[in-house]
Amino acid sequence: MTLIDEISNQVAKSDGGQRRSWAKRILEEESISPFLLLLLDEATAARFSWLLGDLSDLNSKFAQDILKFMLTHPVPLKDTDRVMAKQYCLCTDELEESIEAKLIEIFFESILKTKSPHEFDQVSRALMKVNKSYPELKKEYKEILELRLSQSDQKMQVKISSALKKLEQ
């Protein structure tokens, strides 16, 4: 059984240890491309997205490939923005300008609409990274957070207040 077959058959019921082991094996093969196709299978996409995070944690060069793939292929994840935000934060290499511009647009749209605290946290971290590279966007990000603060439930207000405090530091 090939590694891609093993992952495809087992990722839906995998645990963190198993995914980290696969990530190490993928890195040994030096190619993520065939594995990205697993994102197209709805049944395994969510767990596989966690494996992608493990992969990029081990070697950030894959984050850029993952982002490019996700921007050009329909991915059946409910939290695609969160996954892209995590990959963006793990990406240590400079992104192509067009890719980064599209991601920034996605992150601003996501921060406005997400109701998930987990997605909000990850997208907020990505936007904090954006603000370090593009300080001129800080004002827009702050205005969006303040708008969201007045329109959110208590749980999200806590997350938004925390993001505002980090932004002011």
Foldseek 3Di string as FASTA:
>chain_A
DDLLVVCLVPLLPDDPVVLLVSLVVVVVVVDCVVVLVSQQPLSRNVSVLVSQLSNLVVPLVCLQVNLVVPVVDPGNDPLSLLSNLSSLLSHPDDHDPVSVVVNVVSLLVCCQDDPDLSSNVSSLSSVVVVCVVPVVCLVVVLVSLVVVCVVHDPVVVVSSVVSNVVSVD
